[in-house]
Every structure is written in structure tokens, then in C-alpha cells.
Amino acid sequence: MDAKTEKPAVDALKKPLIVGNWYGYSTSKGGWSSVTLGKLLHAKDGKARLTMCKHTTLLYGDICHGHSIKTAAQVSISAALIFPVPPQE
């Protein structure tokens, strides 16, 4: 493969990312969990940028009322950490 040839970005399931499709990722530490969903805006160099993001914070599995669902304009994350989710409204 030529050094200038860019490999397509893949998700956590090793499937090529598709711009416009919805993806998500989660993190967990010390009882706190967060789930973020967003539409793929673009992917390059192993990074993915999600837009129209929905973010939920949970403590020991229960949604935190002061932190329930927030939206963010864009989020950037490693493409290998995201997975496909059904389209969101």
C-alpha cells in the first residue's frame, strides 16, 4: 500500500464507517457511566467526528436527573471505539 493511500476508518466491529450513519460509545469509571450517540460527520486518520450528539450520564445504572440527556454540537473520538446504533430522532 502506498504511503499516500489512506486506509478507510473502521468502527469497533472492524466495519467501514459510513458518513451520515449513527454511532455510539460508552465509558465507565467508579460507578459513573456515560453513553454518547451521534451521526458521523467525517472520519480521518483513525478519528471520527460525531454531530447532533445525545449524551446520557448514569450512576450505577440509573440515569442522573441533573445530568440526564444533553446535546453537543460535535464530539471527536477514536474511530475504533464507536459502534453502529439505530438512527436516532
C-alpha atoms as a PDB file:
ATOM      1  CA  MET A   1       0.000   0.000   0.000  1.00  0.00           C
ATOM      2  CA  ASP A   2       1.330   3.403  -0.964  1.00  0.00           C
ATOM      3  CA  ALA A   3       2.186   5.761   1.936  1.00  0.00           C
ATOM      4  CA  LYS A   4      -0.201   8.353   0.497  1.00  0.00           C
ATOM      5  CA  THR A   5      -3.088   5.887   0.301  1.00  0.00           C
ATOM      6  CA  GLU A   6      -5.411   6.426   3.229  1.00  0.00           C
ATOM      7  CA  LYS A   7      -6.972   3.326   4.802  1.00  0.00           C
ATOM      8  CA  PRO A   8     -10.712   3.628   5.399  1.00  0.00           C
ATOM      9  CA  ALA A   9     -11.636   4.243   9.036  1.00  0.00           C
ATOM     10  CA  VAL A  10     -13.363   1.310  10.728  1.00  0.00           C
ATOM     11  CA  ASP A  11     -15.565   1.059  13.813  1.00  0.00           C
ATOM     12  CA  ALA A  12     -15.166  -1.236  16.846  1.00  0.00           C
ATOM     13  CA  LEU A  13     -16.592  -4.117  14.788  1.00  0.00           C
ATOM     14  CA  LYS A  14     -13.953  -3.509  12.083  1.00  0.00           C
ATOM     15  CA  LYS A  15     -16.615  -2.357   9.618  1.00  0.00           C
ATOM     16  CA  PRO A  16     -16.012   0.716   7.438  1.00  0.00           C
ATOM     17  CA  LEU A  17     -17.571   3.905   8.812  1.00  0.00           C
ATOM     18  CA  ILE A  18     -20.376   5.434   6.776  1.00  0.00           C
ATOM     19  CA  VAL A  19     -20.849   9.211   6.892  1.00  0.00           C
ATOM     20  CA  GLY A  20     -24.405  10.062   7.931  1.00  0.00           C
ATOM     21  CA  ASN A  21     -24.955   6.840   9.895  1.00  0.00           C
ATOM     22  CA  TRP A  22     -25.433   6.874  13.684  1.00  0.00           C
ATOM     23  CA  TYR A  23     -22.741   5.559  16.041  1.00  0.00           C
ATOM     24  CA  GLY A  24     -22.253   5.457  19.781  1.00  0.00           C
ATOM     25  CA  TYR A  25     -19.721   4.816  22.504  1.00  0.00           C
ATOM     26  CA  SER A  26     -19.751   4.449  26.264  1.00  0.00           C
ATOM     27  CA  THR A  27     -17.332   4.991  29.131  1.00  0.00           C
ATOM     28  CA  SER A  28     -17.445   3.845  32.733  1.00  0.00           C
ATOM     29  CA  LYS A  29     -15.414   4.662  35.849  1.00  0.00           C
ATOM     30  CA  GLY A  30     -16.161   4.359  39.555  1.00  0.00           C
ATOM     31  CA  GLY A  31     -19.890   3.683  39.141  1.00  0.00           C
ATOM     32  CA  TRP A  32     -20.367   6.562  36.688  1.00  0.00           C
ATOM     33  CA  SER A  33     -21.210   5.637  33.111  1.00  0.00           C
ATOM     34  CA  SER A  34     -21.858   7.807  30.099  1.00  0.00           C
ATOM     35  CA  VAL A  35     -23.342   6.949  26.732  1.00  0.00           C
ATOM     36  CA  THR A  36     -22.949   9.190  23.688  1.00  0.00           C
ATOM     37  CA  LEU A  37     -24.759   8.770  20.363  1.00  0.00           C
ATOM     38  CA  GLY A  38     -24.210  10.853  17.253  1.00  0.00           C
ATOM     39  CA  LYS A  39     -24.325  10.998  13.475  1.00  0.00           C
ATOM     40  CA  LEU A  40     -20.960  10.526  11.744  1.00  0.00           C
ATOM     41  CA  LEU A  41     -19.848  13.819  10.210  1.00  0.00           C
ATOM     42  CA  HIS A  42     -16.474  12.584   8.976  1.00  0.00           C
ATOM     43  CA  ALA A  43     -13.653  10.164   9.778  1.00  0.00           C
ATOM     44  CA  LYS A  44      -9.953  10.537   9.060  1.00  0.00           C
ATOM     45  CA  ASP A  45      -6.659   9.226  10.442  1.00  0.00           C
ATOM     46  CA  GLY A  46      -8.393   6.869  12.879  1.00  0.00           C
ATOM     47  CA  LYS A  47     -10.553   9.641  14.358  1.00  0.00           C
ATOM     48  CA  ALA A  48     -14.302  10.073  13.987  1.00  0.00           C
ATOM     49  CA  ARG A  49     -16.338  13.236  14.449  1.00  0.00           C
ATOM     50  CA  LEU A  50     -19.927  12.808  15.538  1.00  0.00           C
ATOM     51  CA  THR A  51     -22.515  15.569  15.285  1.00  0.00           C
ATOM     52  CA  MET A  52     -26.029  16.044  16.697  1.00  0.00           C
ATOM     53  CA  CYS A  53     -24.840  14.137  19.769  1.00  0.00           C
ATOM     54  CA  LYS A  54     -27.035  12.879  22.586  1.00  0.00           C
ATOM     55  CA  HIS A  55     -25.262  12.212  25.871  1.00  0.00           C
ATOM     56  CA  THR A  56     -26.620  10.445  28.955  1.00  0.00           C
ATOM     57  CA  THR A  57     -24.897  10.083  32.339  1.00  0.00           C
ATOM     58  CA  LEU A  58     -25.722   7.236  34.699  1.00  0.00           C
ATOM     59  CA  LEU A  59     -24.699   6.367  38.255  1.00  0.00           C
ATOM     60  CA  TYR A  60     -24.771   2.630  38.967  1.00  0.00           C
ATOM     61  CA  GLY A  61     -27.129   2.136  36.023  1.00  0.00           C
ATOM     62  CA  ASP A  62     -29.677   4.842  36.910  1.00  0.00           C
ATOM     63  CA  ILE A  63     -29.997   7.993  34.795  1.00  0.00           C
ATOM     64  CA  CYS A  64     -28.896  11.020  36.808  1.00  0.00           C
ATOM     65  CA  HIS A  65     -31.715  13.558  36.749  1.00  0.00           C
ATOM     66  CA  GLY A  66     -29.466  16.608  36.842  1.00  0.00           C
ATOM     67  CA  HIS A  67     -27.375  15.128  34.045  1.00  0.00           C
ATOM     68  CA  SER A  68     -29.938  13.148  32.058  1.00  0.00           C
ATOM     69  CA  ILE A  69     -29.826  13.871  28.333  1.00  0.00           C
ATOM     70  CA  LYS A  70     -27.650  16.636  26.941  1.00  0.00           C
ATOM     71  CA  THR A  71     -26.790  17.522  23.390  1.00  0.00           C
ATOM     72  CA  ALA A  72     -23.474  18.659  21.991  1.00  0.00           C
ATOM     73  CA  ALA A  73     -22.685  20.132  18.597  1.00  0.00           C
ATOM     74  CA  GLN A  74     -19.784  17.750  17.870  1.00  0.00           C
ATOM     75  CA  VAL A  75     -17.619  15.141  19.561  1.00  0.00           C
ATOM     76  CA  SER A  76     -14.298  13.735  18.329  1.00  0.00           C
ATOM     77  CA  ILE A  77     -13.244  10.207  19.345  1.00  0.00           C
ATOM     78  CA  SER A  78     -11.093   7.307  18.163  1.00  0.00           C
ATOM     79  CA  ALA A  79     -12.967   5.518  15.372  1.00  0.00           C
ATOM     80  CA  ALA A  80     -12.060   2.119  16.875  1.00  0.00           C
ATOM     81  CA  LEU A  81     -14.201   2.901  19.962  1.00  0.00           C
ATOM     82  CA  ILE A  82     -17.511   3.605  18.224  1.00  0.00           C
ATOM     83  CA  PHE A  83     -20.163   1.102  17.228  1.00  0.00           C
ATOM     84  CA  PRO A  84     -23.220   1.378  14.955  1.00  0.00           C
ATOM     85  CA  VAL A  85     -26.613   2.201  16.531  1.00  0.00           C
ATOM     86  CA  PRO A  86     -30.103   2.558  15.045  1.00  0.00           C
ATOM     87  CA  PRO A  87     -30.966   6.022  13.676  1.00  0.00           C
ATOM     88  CA  GLN A  88     -31.982   8.494  16.418  1.00  0.00           C
ATOM     89  CA  GLU A  89     -34.614  11.217  16.289  1.00  0.00           C
END
